[in-house]
């Protein structure tokens, strides 16, 4: 059993437009920018977790108690964490809205305006997250997981508190 197969690693979450080429496993090292339109969502307050659920159709016949054929008919994959950085872009992402940034100037305070709600369609993105595998020689090799198409959601309440990050 190889202890190098035991992963203890922080992870970063990235998003990109659907169809964006994946970062090359040979030329893009662990921790390096993925390039293209991949955007790092920033620091997180909790570990990055991945869940996978599948629904299977089972064809049963009267003569047997086990299915004679099974096919997957639905998949649900989720990446979950708590983003530490409350930016206009991150807030618009989880609310499925748009951000308009007004720069600070003379007699003008800078701000982000987020418009969200009222749309029946969902914005979709490609998603990825990256951690590392530490080799026996202490080299950090990237471990990457990709979801080719999915939407972001606010999974819980946005809480402002004096003793916790938003």
C-alpha atoms as a PDB file:
ATOM      1  CA  UNK A   1       0.000   0.000   0.000  1.00  0.00           C
ATOM      2  CA  UNK A   2       1.428   3.370  -1.053  1.00  0.00           C
ATOM      3  CA  UNK A   3       1.114   6.183   1.483  1.00  0.00           C
ATOM      4  CA  UNK A   4       1.463   8.595  -1.445  1.00  0.00           C
ATOM      5  CA  UNK A   5      -2.096   7.556  -2.369  1.00  0.00           C
ATOM      6  CA  UNK A   6      -3.355   9.188   0.832  1.00  0.00           C
ATOM      7  CA  UNK A   7      -4.198  12.780  -0.029  1.00  0.00           C
ATOM      8  CA  UNK A   8      -4.031  15.616   2.467  1.00  0.00           C
ATOM      9  CA  UNK A   9      -4.403  18.760   0.405  1.00  0.00           C
ATOM     10  CA  UNK A  10      -6.089  22.115   0.197  1.00  0.00           C
ATOM     11  CA  UNK A  11      -8.133  22.653  -2.955  1.00  0.00           C
ATOM     12  CA  UNK A  12      -9.013  25.530  -5.250  1.00  0.00           C
ATOM     13  CA  UNK A  13     -12.252  25.823  -7.230  1.00  0.00           C
ATOM     14  CA  UNK A  14     -12.292  27.127 -10.788  1.00  0.00           C
ATOM     15  CA  UNK A  15     -15.059  27.953 -13.258  1.00  0.00           C
ATOM     16  CA  UNK A  16     -15.053  28.642 -16.991  1.00  0.00           C
ATOM     17  CA  UNK A  17     -17.496  28.849 -19.866  1.00  0.00           C
ATOM     18  CA  UNK A  18     -18.924  25.475 -20.925  1.00  0.00           C
ATOM     19  CA  UNK A  19     -16.588  23.912 -23.500  1.00  0.00           C
ATOM     20  CA  UNK A  20     -13.442  25.652 -22.251  1.00  0.00           C
ATOM     21  CA  UNK A  21     -10.346  23.470 -22.853  1.00  0.00           C
ATOM     22  CA  UNK A  22      -9.061  21.736 -19.731  1.00  0.00           C
ATOM     23  CA  UNK A  23      -5.663  22.739 -18.347  1.00  0.00           C
ATOM     24  CA  UNK A  24      -2.927  20.518 -19.730  1.00  0.00           C
ATOM     25  CA  UNK A  25      -1.808  17.966 -17.150  1.00  0.00           C
ATOM     26  CA  UNK A  26       1.771  18.057 -18.426  1.00  0.00           C
ATOM     27  CA  UNK A  27       2.426  21.777 -18.812  1.00  0.00           C
ATOM     28  CA  UNK A  28       0.204  23.325 -16.099  1.00  0.00           C
ATOM     29  CA  UNK A  29       1.808  22.559 -12.746  1.00  0.00           C
ATOM     30  CA  UNK A  30      -0.022  22.363  -9.431  1.00  0.00           C
ATOM     31  CA  UNK A  31      -0.811  25.845  -8.169  1.00  0.00           C
ATOM     32  CA  UNK A  32      -0.212  27.528 -11.544  1.00  0.00           C
ATOM     33  CA  UNK A  33      -2.950  29.539 -13.247  1.00  0.00           C
ATOM     34  CA  UNK A  34      -5.020  27.322 -15.527  1.00  0.00           C
ATOM     35  CA  UNK A  35      -5.065  29.892 -18.322  1.00  0.00           C
ATOM     36  CA  UNK A  36      -7.769  30.452 -20.882  1.00  0.00           C
ATOM     37  CA  UNK A  37     -11.052  31.545 -19.307  1.00  0.00           C
ATOM     38  CA  UNK A  38     -10.635  29.541 -16.078  1.00  0.00           C
ATOM     39  CA  UNK A  39     -11.321  31.753 -13.034  1.00  0.00           C
ATOM     40  CA  UNK A  40     -10.154  30.891  -9.522  1.00  0.00           C
ATOM     41  CA  UNK A  41     -13.043  31.565  -7.108  1.00  0.00           C
ATOM     42  CA  UNK A  42     -10.638  32.527  -4.317  1.00  0.00           C
ATOM     43  CA  UNK A  43     -10.179  31.471  -0.728  1.00  0.00           C
ATOM     44  CA  UNK A  44     -12.642  29.169   1.018  1.00  0.00           C
ATOM     45  CA  UNK A  45     -13.667  28.900   4.670  1.00  0.00           C
ATOM     46  CA  UNK A  46     -14.418  25.164   4.520  1.00  0.00           C
ATOM     47  CA  UNK A  47     -12.909  22.204   2.688  1.00  0.00           C
ATOM     48  CA  UNK A  48     -14.033  21.506  -0.855  1.00  0.00           C
ATOM     49  CA  UNK A  49     -16.276  18.444  -0.978  1.00  0.00           C
ATOM     50  CA  UNK A  50     -17.627  16.425  -3.889  1.00  0.00           C
ATOM     51  CA  UNK A  51     -20.802  14.387  -3.823  1.00  0.00           C
ATOM     52  CA  UNK A  52     -22.180  12.058  -6.480  1.00  0.00           C
ATOM     53  CA  UNK A  53     -25.641  10.543  -6.693  1.00  0.00           C
ATOM     54  CA  UNK A  54     -27.003   8.344  -9.425  1.00  0.00           C
ATOM     55  CA  UNK A  55     -30.412   6.952 -10.206  1.00  0.00           C
ATOM     56  CA  UNK A  56     -30.530   3.568 -11.926  1.00  0.00           C
ATOM     57  CA  UNK A  57     -33.338   1.974 -13.906  1.00  0.00           C
ATOM     58  CA  UNK A  58     -33.482  -1.757 -13.155  1.00  0.00           C
ATOM     59  CA  UNK A  59     -35.243  -4.070 -15.569  1.00  0.00           C
ATOM     60  CA  UNK A  60     -36.816  -6.867 -13.603  1.00  0.00           C
ATOM     61  CA  UNK A  61     -38.303 -10.085 -14.959  1.00  0.00           C
ATOM     62  CA  UNK A  62     -40.774 -12.301 -13.142  1.00  0.00           C
ATOM     63  CA  UNK A  63     -38.457 -15.297 -13.003  1.00  0.00           C
ATOM     64  CA  UNK A  64     -35.571 -13.630 -11.124  1.00  0.00           C
ATOM     65  CA  UNK A  65     -35.087 -11.530  -8.006  1.00  0.00           C
ATOM     66  CA  UNK A  66     -32.165  -9.595  -9.476  1.00  0.00           C
ATOM     67  CA  UNK A  67     -32.380  -7.140 -12.370  1.00  0.00           C
ATOM     68  CA  UNK A  68     -31.408  -8.529 -15.773  1.00  0.00           C
ATOM     69  CA  UNK A  69     -30.310  -5.103 -16.989  1.00  0.00           C
ATOM     70  CA  UNK A  70     -29.441  -1.793 -15.353  1.00  0.00           C
ATOM     71  CA  UNK A  71     -28.854   1.600 -16.913  1.00  0.00           C
ATOM     72  CA  UNK A  72     -28.033   4.908 -15.316  1.00  0.00           C
ATOM     73  CA  UNK A  73     -30.847   7.352 -15.949  1.00  0.00           C
ATOM     74  CA  UNK A  74     -29.781  10.323 -13.834  1.00  0.00           C
ATOM     75  CA  UNK A  75     -26.618  11.757 -12.273  1.00  0.00           C
ATOM     76  CA  UNK A  76     -26.194  14.548  -9.766  1.00  0.00           C
ATOM     77  CA  UNK A  77     -22.710  15.830  -8.964  1.00  0.00           C
ATOM     78  CA  UNK A  78     -22.059  18.671  -6.527  1.00  0.00           C
ATOM     79  CA  UNK A  79     -18.968  20.554  -5.425  1.00  0.00           C
ATOM     80  CA  UNK A  80     -19.585  22.316  -2.139  1.00  0.00           C
ATOM     81  CA  UNK A  81     -17.647  24.760   0.009  1.00  0.00           C
ATOM     82  CA  UNK A  82     -18.011  28.165   1.634  1.00  0.00           C
ATOM     83  CA  UNK A  83     -16.402  30.986  -0.323  1.00  0.00           C
ATOM     84  CA  UNK A  84     -14.395  33.341   1.886  1.00  0.00           C
ATOM     85  CA  UNK A  85     -14.256  36.214  -0.577  1.00  0.00           C
ATOM     86  CA  UNK A  86     -17.491  38.185  -0.909  1.00  0.00           C
ATOM     87  CA  UNK A  87     -16.936  39.860  -4.271  1.00  0.00           C
ATOM     88  CA  UNK A  88     -19.522  41.187  -6.667  1.00  0.00           C
ATOM     89  CA  UNK A  89     -18.550  38.467  -9.128  1.00  0.00           C
ATOM     90  CA  UNK A  90     -18.933  35.670  -6.548  1.00  0.00           C
ATOM     91  CA  UNK A  91     -22.259  37.011  -5.285  1.00  0.00           C
ATOM     92  CA  UNK A  92     -23.628  37.350  -8.831  1.00  0.00           C
ATOM     93  CA  UNK A  93     -22.392  33.806  -9.554  1.00  0.00           C
ATOM     94  CA  UNK A  94     -24.285  32.152  -6.682  1.00  0.00           C
ATOM     95  CA  UNK A  95     -27.400  34.294  -7.289  1.00  0.00           C
ATOM     96  CA  UNK A  96     -27.217  33.616 -11.063  1.00  0.00           C
ATOM     97  CA  UNK A  97     -27.171  37.334 -11.769  1.00  0.00           C
ATOM     98  CA  UNK A  98     -24.979  39.947 -13.411  1.00  0.00           C
ATOM     99  CA  UNK A  99     -22.507  42.417 -11.946  1.00  0.00           C
ATOM    100  CA  UNK A 100     -22.006  46.006 -13.059  1.00  0.00           C
ATOM    101  CA  UNK A 101     -18.961  47.683 -11.520  1.00  0.00           C
ATOM    102  CA  UNK A 102     -18.778  51.442 -11.090  1.00  0.00           C
ATOM    103  CA  UNK A 103     -15.245  52.659 -10.439  1.00  0.00           C
ATOM    104  CA  UNK A 104     -14.531  55.210  -7.743  1.00  0.00           C
ATOM    105  CA  UNK A 105     -13.953  58.727  -9.013  1.00  0.00           C
ATOM    106  CA  UNK A 106     -14.420  62.360  -8.099  1.00  0.00           C
ATOM    107  CA  UNK A 107     -17.731  62.595  -6.194  1.00  0.00           C
ATOM    108  CA  UNK A 108     -18.401  58.913  -6.992  1.00  0.00           C
ATOM    109  CA  UNK A 109     -18.058  56.004  -4.567  1.00  0.00           C
ATOM    110  CA  UNK A 110     -17.007  52.762  -6.207  1.00  0.00           C
ATOM    111  CA  UNK A 111     -19.485  49.894  -5.999  1.00  0.00           C
ATOM    112  CA  UNK A 112     -20.736  46.662  -7.578  1.00  0.00           C
ATOM    113  CA  UNK A 113     -24.392  46.366  -8.556  1.00  0.00           C
ATOM    114  CA  UNK A 114     -25.771  42.824  -8.699  1.00  0.00           C
ATOM    115  CA  UNK A 115     -29.008  42.162 -10.579  1.00  0.00           C
ATOM    116  CA  UNK A 116     -30.518  38.733  -9.947  1.00  0.00           C
ATOM    117  CA  UNK A 117     -33.830  36.924 -10.016  1.00  0.00           C
ATOM    118  CA  UNK A 118     -36.761  36.707 -12.398  1.00  0.00           C
ATOM    119  CA  UNK A 119     -35.192  34.385 -14.993  1.00  0.00           C
ATOM    120  CA  UNK A 120     -36.321  30.831 -15.671  1.00  0.00           C
ATOM    121  CA  UNK A 121     -33.026  29.857 -17.332  1.00  0.00           C
ATOM    122  CA  UNK A 122     -29.876  28.896 -15.416  1.00  0.00           C
ATOM    123  CA  UNK A 123     -26.371  30.014 -16.310  1.00  0.00           C
ATOM    124  CA  UNK A 124     -24.089  27.024 -16.853  1.00  0.00           C
ATOM    125  CA  UNK A 125     -20.333  26.756 -16.487  1.00  0.00           C
ATOM    126  CA  UNK A 126     -17.534  24.210 -16.598  1.00  0.00           C
ATOM    127  CA  UNK A 127     -16.143  23.537 -13.106  1.00  0.00           C
ATOM    128  CA  UNK A 128     -12.923  22.129 -11.759  1.00  0.00           C
ATOM    129  CA  UNK A 129     -11.044  21.809  -8.538  1.00  0.00           C
ATOM    130  CA  UNK A 130      -7.415  21.135  -7.867  1.00  0.00           C
ATOM    131  CA  UNK A 131      -5.460  19.657  -5.011  1.00  0.00           C
ATOM    132  CA  UNK A 132      -2.128  17.866  -5.023  1.00  0.00           C
ATOM    133  CA  UNK A 133      -0.564  14.472  -4.531  1.00  0.00           C
ATOM    134  CA  UNK A 134       2.754  14.538  -2.692  1.00  0.00           C
ATOM    135  CA  UNK A 135       5.248  12.094  -4.175  1.00  0.00           C
ATOM    136  CA  UNK A 136       7.892  10.181  -2.244  1.00  0.00           C
ATOM    137  CA  UNK A 137      10.361  12.907  -3.320  1.00  0.00           C
ATOM    138  CA  UNK A 138       8.030  15.685  -2.036  1.00  0.00           C
ATOM    139  CA  UNK A 139       7.011  16.836  -5.523  1.00  0.00           C
ATOM    140  CA  UNK A 140       3.455  18.215  -5.726  1.00  0.00           C
ATOM    141  CA  UNK A 141       1.560  16.666  -8.608  1.00  0.00           C
ATOM    142  CA  UNK A 142      -1.868  18.128  -9.466  1.00  0.00           C
ATOM    143  CA  UNK A 143      -5.034  16.170  -8.725  1.00  0.00           C
ATOM    144  CA  UNK A 144      -7.905  17.677 -10.719  1.00  0.00           C
ATOM    145  CA  UNK A 145     -11.598  16.901 -10.966  1.00  0.00           C
ATOM    146  CA  UNK A 146     -13.778  18.395 -13.700  1.00  0.00           C
ATOM    147  CA  UNK A 147     -17.508  18.833 -14.198  1.00  0.00           C
ATOM    148  CA  UNK A 148     -18.164  19.774 -17.792  1.00  0.00           C
ATOM    149  CA  UNK A 149     -21.515  21.533 -17.266  1.00  0.00           C
ATOM    150  CA  UNK A 150     -23.260  22.747 -14.135  1.00  0.00           C
ATOM    151  CA  UNK A 151     -24.816  25.698 -12.334  1.00  0.00           C
ATOM    152  CA  UNK A 152     -23.876  27.533  -9.146  1.00  0.00           C
ATOM    153  CA  UNK A 153     -26.368  27.944  -6.310  1.00  0.00           C
ATOM    154  CA  UNK A 154     -26.398  29.661  -2.952  1.00  0.00           C
ATOM    155  CA  UNK A 155     -26.700  26.668  -0.645  1.00  0.00           C
ATOM    156  CA  UNK A 156     -27.807  28.233   2.614  1.00  0.00           C
ATOM    157  CA  UNK A 157     -28.016  31.706   4.054  1.00  0.00           C
ATOM    158  CA  UNK A 158     -25.701  34.625   3.467  1.00  0.00           C
ATOM    159  CA  UNK A 159     -24.960  35.676   7.052  1.00  0.00           C
ATOM    160  CA  UNK A 160     -23.191  38.831   8.171  1.00  0.00           C
ATOM    161  CA  UNK A 161     -21.745  38.497  11.677  1.00  0.00           C
ATOM    162  CA  UNK A 162     -19.111  40.161  13.858  1.00  0.00           C
ATOM    163  CA  UNK A 163     -17.452  36.834  14.702  1.00  0.00           C
ATOM    164  CA  UNK A 164     -17.450  34.986  11.368  1.00  0.00           C
ATOM    165  CA  UNK A 165     -16.664  35.484   7.710  1.00  0.00           C
ATOM    166  CA  UNK A 166     -19.582  36.194   5.373  1.00  0.00           C
END
